[in-house]
Amino acid sequence: MILGIGVDIAEVDRITRSVSDGNHFKKRVFTEIEQNYCDGLKNFGESYAARYAAKEALFKALGTGWRGELKFTEVEVVNNELGKPKIFLHGEAKRMADKMGVKSVHVSLSHTKETAIAYLILEG
């Protein structure tokens, strides 16, 4: 059963500038695993933007948006060996998902030079 759906779009230039302007934004929004992955890519801004969109889409799917005790780093986007993205939840985000009865999180990411989009489904 579908418990929540979220979608978000992010501007690659804005996210690229934010992660390039020192480490404050990068550390506040992305986990060390995400940073290591994105920083190793030629077009790192596109991957950062896609992950940012995925986090926002998750918050929307939870029905809350980014507020309260939720932290961006509690939503972690990791690619498997074939490049398929998977969402791992931690802290308050995990507690909220567990309370909703979420068993699976499905995510699809796409990006161009200008924009990145994430579509997410919470399944119970």
PDB file of N, CA and C in Angstrom:
ATOM      1  N   MET A   1       0.832  -1.173   0.000  1.00  0.00           N
ATOM      2  CA  MET A   1       0.000   0.000   0.000  1.00  0.00           C
ATOM      3  C   MET A   1       0.885   1.247   0.000  1.00  0.00           C
ATOM      4  N   ILE A   2       0.528   2.210  -0.812  1.00  0.00           N
ATOM      5  CA  ILE A   2       1.264   3.478  -0.867  1.00  0.00           C
ATOM      6  C   ILE A   2       0.851   4.338   0.326  1.00  0.00           C
ATOM      7  N   LEU A   3       1.835   4.739   1.108  1.00  0.00           N
ATOM      8  CA  LEU A   3       1.593   5.572   2.286  1.00  0.00           C
ATOM      9  C   LEU A   3       1.935   7.035   2.053  1.00  0.00           C
ATOM     10  N   GLY A   4       2.772   7.302   1.071  1.00  0.00           N
ATOM     11  CA  GLY A   4       3.159   8.681   0.786  1.00  0.00           C
ATOM     12  C   GLY A   4       3.890   8.782  -0.537  1.00  0.00           C
ATOM     13  N   ILE A   5       3.735   9.926  -1.185  1.00  0.00           N
ATOM     14  CA  ILE A   5       4.417  10.221  -2.439  1.00  0.00           C
ATOM     15  C   ILE A   5       5.030  11.616  -2.307  1.00  0.00           C
ATOM     16  N   GLY A   6       6.241  11.761  -2.801  1.00  0.00           N
ATOM     17  CA  GLY A   6       6.889  13.070  -2.780  1.00  0.00           C
ATOM     18  C   GLY A   6       7.675  13.294  -4.051  1.00  0.00           C
ATOM     19  N   VAL A   7       7.729  14.531  -4.481  1.00  0.00           N
ATOM     20  CA  VAL A   7       8.531  14.903  -5.644  1.00  0.00           C
ATOM     21  C   VAL A   7       9.156  16.262  -5.356  1.00  0.00           C
ATOM     22  N   ASP A   8      10.370  16.463  -5.867  1.00  0.00           N
ATOM     23  CA  ASP A   8      11.006  17.760  -5.702  1.00  0.00           C
ATOM     24  C   ASP A   8      11.969  17.973  -6.861  1.00  0.00           C
ATOM     25  N   ILE A   9      12.164  19.228  -7.194  1.00  0.00           N
ATOM     26  CA  ILE A   9      13.098  19.617  -8.246  1.00  0.00           C
ATOM     27  C   ILE A   9      14.059  20.642  -7.652  1.00  0.00           C
ATOM     28  N   ALA A  10      15.324  20.524  -8.013  1.00  0.00           N
ATOM     29  CA  ALA A  10      16.341  21.434  -7.482  1.00  0.00           C
ATOM     30  C   ALA A  10      17.153  22.016  -8.629  1.00  0.00           C
ATOM     31  N   GLU A  11      17.555  23.282  -8.473  1.00  0.00           N
ATOM     32  CA  GLU A  11      18.399  23.936  -9.456  1.00  0.00           C
ATOM     33  C   GLU A  11      19.860  23.554  -9.206  1.00  0.00           C
ATOM     34  N   VAL A  12      20.496  22.973 -10.196  1.00  0.00           N
ATOM     35  CA  VAL A  12      21.870  22.493 -10.050  1.00  0.00           C
ATOM     36  C   VAL A  12      22.818  23.636  -9.687  1.00  0.00           C
ATOM     37  N   ASP A  13      22.717  24.782 -10.351  1.00  0.00           N
ATOM     38  CA  ASP A  13      23.619  25.911 -10.065  1.00  0.00           C
ATOM     39  C   ASP A  13      23.527  26.357  -8.609  1.00  0.00           C
ATOM     40  N   ARG A  14      22.313  26.430  -8.081  1.00  0.00           N
ATOM     41  CA  ARG A  14      22.130  26.887  -6.695  1.00  0.00           C
ATOM     42  C   ARG A  14      22.769  25.910  -5.714  1.00  0.00           C
ATOM     43  N   ILE A  15      22.565  24.616  -5.933  1.00  0.00           N
ATOM     44  CA  ILE A  15      23.141  23.616  -5.034  1.00  0.00           C
ATOM     45  C   ILE A  15      24.655  23.570  -5.201  1.00  0.00           C
ATOM     46  N   THR A  16      25.146  23.692  -6.428  1.00  0.00           N
ATOM     47  CA  THR A  16      26.590  23.696  -6.677  1.00  0.00           C
ATOM     48  C   THR A  16      27.246  24.858  -5.931  1.00  0.00           C
ATOM     49  N   ARG A  17      26.654  26.041  -6.015  1.00  0.00           N
ATOM     50  CA  ARG A  17      27.191  27.207  -5.291  1.00  0.00           C
ATOM     51  C   ARG A  17      27.177  26.960  -3.788  1.00  0.00           C
ATOM     52  N   SER A  18      26.098  26.372  -3.297  1.00  0.00           N
ATOM     53  CA  SER A  18      25.959  26.138  -1.853  1.00  0.00           C
ATOM     54  C   SER A  18      27.003  25.157  -1.332  1.00  0.00           C
ATOM     55  N   VAL A  19      27.264  24.091  -2.058  1.00  0.00           N
ATOM     56  CA  VAL A  19      28.255  23.109  -1.575  1.00  0.00           C
ATOM     57  C   VAL A  19      29.681  23.608  -1.797  1.00  0.00           C
ATOM     58  N   SER A  20      29.856  24.586  -2.690  1.00  0.00           N
ATOM     59  CA  SER A  20      31.185  25.120  -2.970  1.00  0.00           C
ATOM     60  C   SER A  20      31.553  26.285  -2.062  1.00  0.00           C
ATOM     61  N   ASP A  21      30.582  26.860  -1.351  1.00  0.00           N
ATOM     62  CA  ASP A  21      30.810  28.010  -0.470  1.00  0.00           C
ATOM     63  C   ASP A  21      31.180  27.553   0.944  1.00  0.00           C
ATOM     64  N   GLY A  22      32.228  26.780   1.075  1.00  0.00           N
ATOM     65  CA  GLY A  22      32.629  26.284   2.392  1.00  0.00           C
ATOM     66  C   GLY A  22      31.870  25.010   2.725  1.00  0.00           C
ATOM     67  N   ASN A  23      32.056  24.525   3.933  1.00  0.00           N
ATOM     68  CA  ASN A  23      31.506  23.229   4.305  1.00  0.00           C
ATOM     69  C   ASN A  23      30.221  23.286   5.121  1.00  0.00           C
ATOM     70  N   HIS A  24      29.766  24.479   5.517  1.00  0.00           N
ATOM     71  CA  HIS A  24      28.595  24.549   6.393  1.00  0.00           C
ATOM     72  C   HIS A  24      27.366  23.887   5.761  1.00  0.00           C
ATOM     73  N   PHE A  25      26.976  24.303   4.583  1.00  0.00           N
ATOM     74  CA  PHE A  25      25.801  23.731   3.908  1.00  0.00           C
ATOM     75  C   PHE A  25      26.015  22.253   3.645  1.00  0.00           C
ATOM     76  N   LYS A  26      27.179  21.913   3.135  1.00  0.00           N
ATOM     77  CA  LYS A  26      27.477  20.529   2.777  1.00  0.00           C
ATOM     78  C   LYS A  26      27.346  19.608   3.998  1.00  0.00           C
ATOM     79  N   LYS A  27      27.909  19.996   5.120  1.00  0.00           N
ATOM     80  CA  LYS A  27      27.857  19.161   6.330  1.00  0.00           C
ATOM     81  C   LYS A  27      26.463  19.131   6.951  1.00  0.00           C
ATOM     82  N   ARG A  28      25.715  20.219   6.807  1.00  0.00           N
ATOM     83  CA  ARG A  28      24.369  20.285   7.384  1.00  0.00           C
ATOM     84  C   ARG A  28      23.367  19.450   6.596  1.00  0.00           C
ATOM     85  N   VAL A  29      23.620  19.261   5.288  1.00  0.00           N
ATOM     86  CA  VAL A  29      22.632  18.622   4.418  1.00  0.00           C
ATOM     87  C   VAL A  29      23.037  17.206   3.995  1.00  0.00           C
ATOM     88  N   PHE A  30      24.319  16.945   3.820  1.00  0.00           N
ATOM     89  CA  PHE A  30      24.748  15.674   3.241  1.00  0.00           C
ATOM     90  C   PHE A  30      25.616  14.878   4.207  1.00  0.00           C
ATOM     91  N   THR A  31      25.409  13.556   4.214  1.00  0.00           N
ATOM     92  CA  THR A  31      26.220  12.682   5.055  1.00  0.00           C
ATOM     93  C   THR A  31      27.619  12.548   4.457  1.00  0.00           C
ATOM     94  N   GLU A  32      28.522  12.019   5.234  1.00  0.00           N
ATOM     95  CA  GLU A  32      29.888  11.819   4.761  1.00  0.00           C
ATOM     96  C   GLU A  32      29.916  10.871   3.553  1.00  0.00           C
ATOM     97  N   ILE A  33      29.089   9.844   3.575  1.00  0.00           N
ATOM     98  CA  ILE A  33      29.014   8.902   2.444  1.00  0.00           C
ATOM     99  C   ILE A  33      28.564   9.624   1.178  1.00  0.00           C
ATOM    100  N   GLU A  34      27.541  10.485   1.304  1.00  0.00           N
ATOM    101  CA  GLU A  34      27.058  11.245   0.147  1.00  0.00           C
ATOM    102  C   GLU A  34      28.126  12.207  -0.361  1.00  0.00           C
ATOM    103  N   GLN A  35      28.803  12.876   0.549  1.00  0.00           N
ATOM    104  CA  GLN A  35      29.862  13.816   0.153  1.00  0.00           C
ATOM    105  C   GLN A  35      30.995  13.096  -0.575  1.00  0.00           C
ATOM    106  N   ASN A  36      31.414  11.958  -0.052  1.00  0.00           N
ATOM    107  CA  ASN A  36      32.501  11.200  -0.688  1.00  0.00           C
ATOM    108  C   ASN A  36      32.107  10.780  -2.098  1.00  0.00           C
ATOM    109  N   TYR A  37      30.859  10.347  -2.278  1.00  0.00           N
ATOM    110  CA  TYR A  37      30.390   9.932  -3.596  1.00  0.00           C
ATOM    111  C   TYR A  37      30.355  11.121  -4.557  1.00  0.00           C
ATOM    112  N   CYS A  38      29.670  12.187  -4.166  1.00  0.00           N
ATOM    113  CA  CYS A  38      29.479  13.339  -5.058  1.00  0.00           C
ATOM    114  C   CYS A  38      30.786  14.051  -5.370  1.00  0.00           C
ATOM    115  N   ASP A  39      31.638  14.222  -4.368  1.00  0.00           N
ATOM    116  CA  ASP A  39      32.900  14.937  -4.586  1.00  0.00           C
ATOM    117  C   ASP A  39      33.822  14.200  -5.549  1.00  0.00           C
ATOM    118  N   GLY A  40      33.603  12.912  -5.744  1.00  0.00           N
ATOM    119  CA  GLY A  40      34.424  12.142  -6.663  1.00  0.00           C
ATOM    120  C   GLY A  40      33.958  12.201  -8.108  1.00  0.00           C
ATOM    121  N   LEU A  41      32.898  12.950  -8.367  1.00  0.00           N
ATOM    122  CA  LEU A  41      32.332  13.014  -9.713  1.00  0.00           C
ATOM    123  C   LEU A  41      32.705  14.324 -10.412  1.00  0.00           C
ATOM    124  N   LYS A  42      32.856  14.255 -11.727  1.00  0.00           N
ATOM    125  CA  LYS A  42      33.157  15.454 -12.520  1.00  0.00           C
ATOM    126  C   LYS A  42      32.018  16.475 -12.389  1.00  0.00           C
ATOM    127  N   ASN A  43      30.787  16.040 -12.559  1.00  0.00           N
ATOM    128  CA  ASN A  43      29.613  16.921 -12.457  1.00  0.00           C
ATOM    129  C   ASN A  43      28.975  16.755 -11.086  1.00  0.00           C
ATOM    130  N   PHE A  44      29.751  17.015 -10.042  1.00  0.00           N
ATOM    131  CA  PHE A  44      29.307  16.781  -8.669  1.00  0.00           C
ATOM    132  C   PHE A  44      28.039  17.538  -8.310  1.00  0.00           C
ATOM    133  N   GLY A  45      27.857  18.725  -8.878  1.00  0.00           N
ATOM    134  CA  GLY A  45      26.682  19.535  -8.545  1.00  0.00           C
ATOM    135  C   GLY A  45      25.373  18.863  -8.919  1.00  0.00           C
ATOM    136  N   GLU A  46      25.362  18.142 -10.023  1.00  0.00           N
ATOM    137  CA  GLU A  46      24.150  17.441 -10.451  1.00  0.00           C
ATOM    138  C   GLU A  46      23.773  16.356  -9.448  1.00  0.00           C
ATOM    139  N   SER A  47      24.756  15.621  -8.956  1.00  0.00           N
ATOM    140  CA  SER A  47      24.481  14.555  -7.993  1.00  0.00           C
ATOM    141  C   SER A  47      24.080  15.118  -6.632  1.00  0.00           C
ATOM    142  N   TYR A  48      24.736  16.198  -6.212  1.00  0.00           N
ATOM    143  CA  TYR A  48      24.316  16.851  -4.962  1.00  0.00           C
ATOM    144  C   TYR A  48      22.873  17.346  -5.086  1.00  0.00           C
ATOM    145  N   ALA A  49      22.537  17.961  -6.210  1.00  0.00           N
ATOM    146  CA  ALA A  49      21.187  18.495  -6.406  1.00  0.00           C
ATOM    147  C   ALA A  49      20.149  17.371  -6.407  1.00  0.00           C
ATOM    148  N   ALA A  50      20.460  16.242  -7.034  1.00  0.00           N
ATOM    149  CA  ALA A  50      19.528  15.113  -7.053  1.00  0.00           C
ATOM    150  C   ALA A  50      19.300  14.586  -5.640  1.00  0.00           C
ATOM    151  N   ARG A  51      20.355  14.516  -4.843  1.00  0.00           N
ATOM    152  CA  ARG A  51      20.218  14.052  -3.463  1.00  0.00           C
ATOM    153  C   ARG A  51      19.433  15.053  -2.619  1.00  0.00           C
ATOM    154  N   TYR A  52      19.675  16.322  -2.842  1.00  0.00           N
ATOM    155  CA  TYR A  52      18.907  17.341  -2.129  1.00  0.00           C
ATOM    156  C   TYR A  52      17.420  17.197  -2.466  1.00  0.00           C
ATOM    157  N   ALA A  53      17.109  17.029  -3.741  1.00  0.00           N
ATOM    158  CA  ALA A  53      15.712  16.850  -4.158  1.00  0.00           C
ATOM    159  C   ALA A  53      15.105  15.602  -3.523  1.00  0.00           C
ATOM    160  N   ALA A  54      15.879  14.535  -3.410  1.00  0.00           N
ATOM    161  CA  ALA A  54      15.379  13.298  -2.793  1.00  0.00           C
ATOM    162  C   ALA A  54      15.029  13.517  -1.323  1.00  0.00           C
ATOM    163  N   LYS A  55      15.849  14.267  -0.622  1.00  0.00           N
ATOM    164  CA  LYS A  55      15.588  14.551   0.794  1.00  0.00           C
ATOM    165  C   LYS A  55      14.299  15.362   0.944  1.00  0.00           C
ATOM    166  N   GLU A  56      14.147  16.394   0.114  1.00  0.00           N
ATOM    167  CA  GLU A  56      12.924  17.201   0.145  1.00  0.00           C
ATOM    168  C   GLU A  56      11.701  16.348  -0.217  1.00  0.00           C
ATOM    169  N   ALA A  57      11.835  15.480  -1.212  1.00  0.00           N
ATOM    170  CA  ALA A  57      10.725  14.603  -1.606  1.00  0.00           C
ATOM    171  C   ALA A  57      10.345  13.661  -0.466  1.00  0.00           C
ATOM    172  N   LEU A  58      11.336  13.180   0.262  1.00  0.00           N
ATOM    173  CA  LEU A  58      11.050  12.303   1.412  1.00  0.00           C
ATOM    174  C   LEU A  58      10.252  13.046   2.472  1.00  0.00           C
ATOM    175  N   PHE A  59      10.660  14.264   2.789  1.00  0.00           N
ATOM    176  CA  PHE A  59       9.932  15.054   3.781  1.00  0.00           C
ATOM    177  C   PHE A  59       8.484  15.287   3.341  1.00  0.00           C
ATOM    178  N   LYS A  60       8.283  15.525   2.055  1.00  0.00           N
ATOM    179  CA  LYS A  60       6.929  15.703   1.529  1.00  0.00           C
ATOM    180  C   LYS A  60       6.137  14.411   1.630  1.00  0.00           C
ATOM    181  N   ALA A  61       6.769  13.282   1.315  1.00  0.00           N
ATOM    182  CA  ALA A  61       6.086  11.993   1.387  1.00  0.00           C
ATOM    183  C   ALA A  61       5.690  11.660   2.822  1.00  0.00           C
ATOM    184  N   LEU A  62       6.489  12.090   3.789  1.00  0.00           N
ATOM    185  CA  LEU A  62       6.140  11.887   5.196  1.00  0.00           C
ATOM    186  C   LEU A  62       4.955  12.764   5.605  1.00  0.00           C
ATOM    187  N   GLY A  63       4.670  13.775   4.792  1.00  0.00           N
ATOM    188  CA  GLY A  63       3.552  14.670   5.077  1.00  0.00           C
ATOM    189  C   GLY A  63       3.909  15.827   5.978  1.00  0.00           C
ATOM    190  N   THR A  64       5.201  16.084   6.143  1.00  0.00           N
ATOM    191  CA  THR A  64       5.625  17.115   7.083  1.00  0.00           C
ATOM    192  C   THR A  64       6.347  18.281   6.432  1.00  0.00           C
ATOM    193  N   GLY A  65       7.054  18.017   5.340  1.00  0.00           N
ATOM    194  CA  GLY A  65       8.012  19.002   4.860  1.00  0.00           C
ATOM    195  C   GLY A  65       9.171  19.021   5.845  1.00  0.00           C
ATOM    196  N   TRP A  66      10.171  19.864   5.588  1.00  0.00           N
ATOM    197  CA  TRP A  66      11.322  19.941   6.486  1.00  0.00           C
ATOM    198  C   TRP A  66      10.974  20.852   7.647  1.00  0.00           C
ATOM    199  N   ARG A  67      10.791  20.247   8.819  1.00  0.00           N
ATOM    200  CA  ARG A  67      10.433  21.026   9.997  1.00  0.00           C
ATOM    201  C   ARG A  67      10.692  20.229  11.256  1.00  0.00           C
ATOM    202  N   GLY A  68      10.504  20.884  12.365  1.00  0.00           N
ATOM    203  CA  GLY A  68      10.629  20.212  13.653  1.00  0.00           C
ATOM    204  C   GLY A  68      12.005  19.627  13.869  1.00  0.00           C
ATOM    205  N   GLU A  69      12.026  18.400  14.282  1.00  0.00           N
ATOM    206  CA  GLU A  69      13.267  17.718  14.622  1.00  0.00           C
ATOM    207  C   GLU A  69      13.963  17.076  13.423  1.00  0.00           C
ATOM    208  N   LEU A  70      13.365  17.133  12.244  1.00  0.00           N
ATOM    209  CA  LEU A  70      13.946  16.478  11.073  1.00  0.00           C
ATOM    210  C   LEU A  70      15.238  17.165  10.637  1.00  0.00           C
ATOM    211  N   LYS A  71      16.211  16.336  10.261  1.00  0.00           N
ATOM    212  CA  LYS A  71      17.485  16.843   9.753  1.00  0.00           C
ATOM    213  C   LYS A  71      17.729  16.240   8.374  1.00  0.00           C
ATOM    214  N   PHE A  72      18.309  17.022   7.503  1.00  0.00           N
ATOM    215  CA  PHE A  72      18.611  16.535   6.152  1.00  0.00           C
ATOM    216  C   PHE A  72      19.522  15.305   6.186  1.00  0.00           C
ATOM    217  N   THR A  73      20.457  15.280   7.136  1.00  0.00           N
ATOM    218  CA  THR A  73      21.400  14.158   7.201  1.00  0.00           C
ATOM    219  C   THR A  73      20.749  12.867   7.702  1.00  0.00           C
ATOM    220  N   GLU A  74      19.495  12.930   8.136  1.00  0.00           N
ATOM    221  CA  GLU A  74      18.770  11.718   8.539  1.00  0.00           C
ATOM    222  C   GLU A  74      18.226  10.971   7.322  1.00  0.00           C
ATOM    223  N   VAL A  75      18.315  11.592   6.160  1.00  0.00           N
ATOM    224  CA  VAL A  75      17.913  10.964   4.898  1.00  0.00           C
ATOM    225  C   VAL A  75      19.189  10.825   4.077  1.00  0.00           C
ATOM    226  N   GLU A  76      19.582   9.583   3.806  1.00  0.00           N
ATOM    227  CA  GLU A  76      20.840   9.323   3.112  1.00  0.00           C
ATOM    228  C   GLU A  76      20.566   8.599   1.804  1.00  0.00           C
ATOM    229  N   VAL A  77      21.110   9.141   0.718  1.00  0.00           N
ATOM    230  CA  VAL A  77      20.931   8.557  -0.615  1.00  0.00           C
ATOM    231  C   VAL A  77      22.244   7.899  -1.023  1.00  0.00           C
ATOM    232  N   VAL A  78      22.183   6.586  -1.232  1.00  0.00           N
ATOM    233  CA  VAL A  78      23.373   5.809  -1.577  1.00  0.00           C
ATOM    234  C   VAL A  78      23.064   4.998  -2.832  1.00  0.00           C
ATOM    235  N   ASN A  79      23.994   4.976  -3.772  1.00  0.00           N
ATOM    236  CA  ASN A  79      23.823   4.187  -4.991  1.00  0.00           C
ATOM    237  C   ASN A  79      24.373   2.779  -4.787  1.00  0.00           C
ATOM    238  N   ASN A  80      23.672   1.779  -5.343  1.00  0.00           N
ATOM    239  CA  ASN A  80      24.213   0.424  -5.302  1.00  0.00           C
ATOM    240  C   ASN A  80      25.272   0.270  -6.390  1.00  0.00           C
ATOM    241  N   GLU A  81      25.805  -0.928  -6.546  1.00  0.00           N
ATOM    242  CA  GLU A  81      26.904  -1.139  -7.504  1.00  0.00           C
ATOM    243  C   GLU A  81      26.501  -0.901  -8.951  1.00  0.00           C
ATOM    244  N   LEU A  82      25.198  -0.923  -9.241  1.00  0.00           N
ATOM    245  CA  LEU A  82      24.711  -0.654 -10.595  1.00  0.00           C
ATOM    246  C   LEU A  82      24.287   0.806 -10.781  1.00  0.00           C
ATOM    247  N   GLY A  83      24.372   1.599  -9.710  1.00  0.00           N
ATOM    248  CA  GLY A  83      24.013   3.006  -9.785  1.00  0.00           C
ATOM    249  C   GLY A  83      22.603   3.330  -9.335  1.00  0.00           C
ATOM    250  N   LYS A  84      21.820   2.302  -8.957  1.00  0.00           N
ATOM    251  CA  LYS A  84      20.450   2.551  -8.499  1.00  0.00           C
ATOM    252  C   LYS A  84      20.474   3.200  -7.119  1.00  0.00           C
ATOM    253  N   PRO A  85      19.764   4.337  -6.959  1.00  0.00           N
ATOM    254  CA  PRO A  85      19.753   5.003  -5.656  1.00  0.00           C
ATOM    255  C   PRO A  85      18.848   4.286  -4.654  1.00  0.00           C
ATOM    256  N   LYS A  86      19.277   4.304  -3.404  1.00  0.00           N
ATOM    257  CA  LYS A  86      18.507   3.733  -2.313  1.00  0.00           C
ATOM    258  C   LYS A  86      18.521   4.746  -1.173  1.00  0.00           C
ATOM    259  N   ILE A  87      17.402   4.819  -0.460  1.00  0.00           N
ATOM    260  CA  ILE A  87      17.269   5.745   0.660  1.00  0.00           C
ATOM    261  C   ILE A  87      17.443   4.985   1.973  1.00  0.00           C
ATOM    262  N   PHE A  88      18.288   5.537   2.843  1.00  0.00           N
ATOM    263  CA  PHE A  88      18.433   5.027   4.202  1.00  0.00           C
ATOM    264  C   PHE A  88      17.970   6.129   5.147  1.00  0.00           C
ATOM    265  N   LEU A  89      17.128   5.774   6.113  1.00  0.00           N
ATOM    266  CA  LEU A  89      16.604   6.744   7.069  1.00  0.00           C
ATOM    267  C   LEU A  89      17.241   6.530   8.430  1.00  0.00           C
ATOM    268  N   HIS A  90      17.461   7.638   9.136  1.00  0.00           N
ATOM    269  CA  HIS A  90      18.062   7.611  10.461  1.00  0.00           C
ATOM    270  C   HIS A  90      17.273   8.563  11.362  1.00  0.00           C
ATOM    271  N   GLY A  91      17.465   8.450  12.649  1.00  0.00           N
ATOM    272  CA  GLY A  91      16.925   9.398  13.614  1.00  0.00           C
ATOM    273  C   GLY A  91      15.424   9.610  13.518  1.00  0.00           C
ATOM    274  N   GLU A  92      15.027  10.880  13.603  1.00  0.00           N
ATOM    275  CA  GLU A  92      13.603  11.241  13.607  1.00  0.00           C
ATOM    276  C   GLU A  92      12.913  10.845  12.302  1.00  0.00           C
ATOM    277  N   ALA A  93      13.597  10.953  11.182  1.00  0.00           N
ATOM    278  CA  ALA A  93      12.998  10.554   9.895  1.00  0.00           C
ATOM    279  C   ALA A  93      12.628   9.069   9.927  1.00  0.00           C
ATOM    280  N   LYS A  94      13.503   8.234  10.480  1.00  0.00           N
ATOM    281  CA  LYS A  94      13.216   6.803  10.588  1.00  0.00           C
ATOM    282  C   LYS A  94      12.068   6.559  11.551  1.00  0.00           C
ATOM    283  N   ARG A  95      12.066   7.250  12.680  1.00  0.00           N
ATOM    284  CA  ARG A  95      10.975   7.083  13.659  1.00  0.00           C
ATOM    285  C   ARG A  95       9.624   7.451  13.033  1.00  0.00           C
ATOM    286  N   MET A  96       9.592   8.535  12.282  1.00  0.00           N
ATOM    287  CA  MET A  96       8.342   8.950  11.641  1.00  0.00           C
ATOM    288  C   MET A  96       7.893   7.920  10.599  1.00  0.00           C
ATOM    289  N   ALA A  97       8.830   7.435   9.806  1.00  0.00           N
ATOM    290  CA  ALA A  97       8.501   6.436   8.790  1.00  0.00           C
ATOM    291  C   ALA A  97       8.015   5.141   9.443  1.00  0.00           C
ATOM    292  N   ASP A  98       8.684   4.733  10.511  1.00  0.00           N
ATOM    293  CA  ASP A  98       8.261   3.522  11.224  1.00  0.00           C
ATOM    294  C   ASP A  98       6.860   3.691  11.799  1.00  0.00           C
ATOM    295  N   LYS A  99       6.575   4.862  12.357  1.00  0.00           N
ATOM    296  CA  LYS A  99       5.259   5.136  12.930  1.00  0.00           C
ATOM    297  C   LYS A  99       4.161   5.089  11.861  1.00  0.00           C
ATOM    298  N   MET A 100       4.500   5.512  10.648  1.00  0.00           N
ATOM    299  CA  MET A 100       3.547   5.461   9.524  1.00  0.00           C
ATOM    300  C   MET A 100       3.360   4.038   9.004  1.00  0.00           C
ATOM    301  N   GLY A 101       4.293   3.146   9.340  1.00  0.00           N
ATOM    302  CA  GLY A 101       4.238   1.786   8.831  1.00  0.00           C
ATOM    303  C   GLY A 101       4.994   1.580   7.530  1.00  0.00           C
ATOM    304  N   VAL A 102       5.959   2.460   7.245  1.00  0.00           N
ATOM    305  CA  VAL A 102       6.733   2.361   6.009  1.00  0.00           C
ATOM    306  C   VAL A 102       7.619   1.120   6.050  1.00  0.00           C
ATOM    307  N   LYS A 103       7.505   0.309   5.022  1.00  0.00           N
ATOM    308  CA  LYS A 103       8.337  -0.895   4.881  1.00  0.00           C
ATOM    309  C   LYS A 103       9.403  -0.710   3.801  1.00  0.00           C
ATOM    310  N   SER A 104       9.100   0.092   2.774  1.00  0.00           N
ATOM    311  CA  SER A 104      10.030   0.318   1.666  1.00  0.00           C
ATOM    312  C   SER A 104       9.957   1.769   1.211  1.00  0.00           C
ATOM    313  N   VAL A 105      11.103   2.276   0.777  1.00  0.00           N
ATOM    314  CA  VAL A 105      11.184   3.602   0.183  1.00  0.00           C
ATOM    315  C   VAL A 105      11.715   3.422  -1.236  1.00  0.00           C
ATOM    316  N   HIS A 106      10.936   3.842  -2.204  1.00  0.00           N
ATOM    317  CA  HIS A 106      11.329   3.754  -3.612  1.00  0.00           C
ATOM    318  C   HIS A 106      11.654   5.159  -4.100  1.00  0.00           C
ATOM    319  N   VAL A 107      12.794   5.307  -4.787  1.00  0.00           N
ATOM    320  CA  VAL A 107      13.193   6.628  -5.251  1.00  0.00           C
ATOM    321  C   VAL A 107      13.744   6.540  -6.666  1.00  0.00           C
ATOM    322  N   SER A 108      13.438   7.553  -7.450  1.00  0.00           N
ATOM    323  CA  SER A 108      13.994   7.703  -8.785  1.00  0.00           C
ATOM    324  C   SER A 108      14.572   9.108  -8.893  1.00  0.00           C
ATOM    325  N   LEU A 109      15.793   9.203  -9.386  1.00  0.00           N
ATOM    326  CA  LEU A 109      16.484  10.485  -9.540  1.00  0.00           C
ATOM    327  C   LEU A 109      16.824  10.708 -11.003  1.00  0.00           C
ATOM    328  N   SER A 110      16.786  11.965 -11.418  1.00  0.00           N
ATOM    329  CA  SER A 110      17.214  12.323 -12.761  1.00  0.00           C
ATOM    330  C   SER A 110      17.753  13.743 -12.723  1.00  0.00           C
ATOM    331  N   HIS A 111      18.691  14.043 -13.624  1.00  0.00           N
ATOM    332  CA  HIS A 111      19.221  15.409 -13.657  1.00  0.00           C
ATOM    333  C   HIS A 111      19.765  15.755 -15.029  1.00  0.00           C
ATOM    334  N   THR A 112      19.767  17.059 -15.271  1.00  0.00           N
ATOM    335  CA  THR A 112      20.412  17.646 -16.442  1.00  0.00           C
ATOM    336  C   THR A 112      21.438  18.635 -15.910  1.00  0.00           C
ATOM    337  N   LYS A 113      22.040  19.419 -16.778  1.00  0.00           N
ATOM    338  CA  LYS A 113      22.977  20.446 -16.330  1.00  0.00           C
ATOM    339  C   LYS A 113      22.283  21.508 -15.478  1.00  0.00           C
ATOM    340  N   GLU A 114      20.988  21.721 -15.714  1.00  0.00           N
ATOM    341  CA  GLU A 114      20.265  22.802 -15.047  1.00  0.00           C
ATOM    342  C   GLU A 114      19.445  22.358 -13.836  1.00  0.00           C
ATOM    343  N   THR A 115      18.816  21.205 -13.918  1.00  0.00           N
ATOM    344  CA  THR A 115      17.897  20.796 -12.848  1.00  0.00           C
ATOM    345  C   THR A 115      18.083  19.324 -12.479  1.00  0.00           C
ATOM    346  N   ALA A 116      17.651  19.020 -11.264  1.00  0.00           N
ATOM    347  CA  ALA A 116      17.622  17.640 -10.775  1.00  0.00           C
ATOM    348  C   ALA A 116      16.241  17.399 -10.184  1.00  0.00           C
ATOM    349  N   ILE A 117      15.739  16.191 -10.351  1.00  0.00           N
ATOM    350  CA  ILE A 117      14.413  15.859  -9.854  1.00  0.00           C
ATOM    351  C   ILE A 117      14.471  14.518  -9.124  1.00  0.00           C
ATOM    352  N   ALA A 118      13.657  14.412  -8.093  1.00  0.00           N
ATOM    353  CA  ALA A 118      13.516  13.160  -7.354  1.00  0.00           C
ATOM    354  C   ALA A 118      12.033  12.858  -7.180  1.00  0.00           C
ATOM    355  N   TYR A 119      11.691  11.600  -7.395  1.00  0.00           N
ATOM    356  CA  TYR A 119      10.331  11.112  -7.184  1.00  0.00           C
ATOM    357  C   TYR A 119      10.436   9.971  -6.191  1.00  0.00           C
ATOM    358  N   LEU A 120       9.587   9.995  -5.166  1.00  0.00           N
ATOM    359  CA  LEU A 120       9.723   9.058  -4.071  1.00  0.00           C
ATOM    360  C   LEU A 120       8.373   8.509  -3.644  1.00  0.00           C
ATOM    361  N   ILE A 121       8.337   7.208  -3.353  1.00  0.00           N
ATOM    362  CA  ILE A 121       7.117   6.549  -2.871  1.00  0.00           C
ATOM    363  C   ILE A 121       7.435   5.822  -1.582  1.00  0.00           C
ATOM    364  N   LEU A 122       6.606   6.024  -0.566  1.00  0.00           N
ATOM    365  CA  LEU A 122       6.683   5.275   0.676  1.00  0.00           C
ATOM    366  C   LEU A 122       5.649   4.151   0.593  1.00  0.00           C
ATOM    367  N   GLU A 123       6.107   2.922   0.815  1.00  0.00           N
ATOM    368  CA  GLU A 123       5.232   1.762   0.729  1.00  0.00           C
ATOM    369  C   GLU A 123       5.130   1.091   2.088  1.00  0.00           C
ATOM    370  N   GLY A 124       3.910   0.672   2.433  1.00  0.00           N
ATOM    371  CA  GLY A 124       3.683  -0.005   3.708  1.00  0.00           C
ATOM    372  C   GLY A 124       3.293  -1.433   3.530  1.00  0.00           C
TER     373      GLY A 124
END
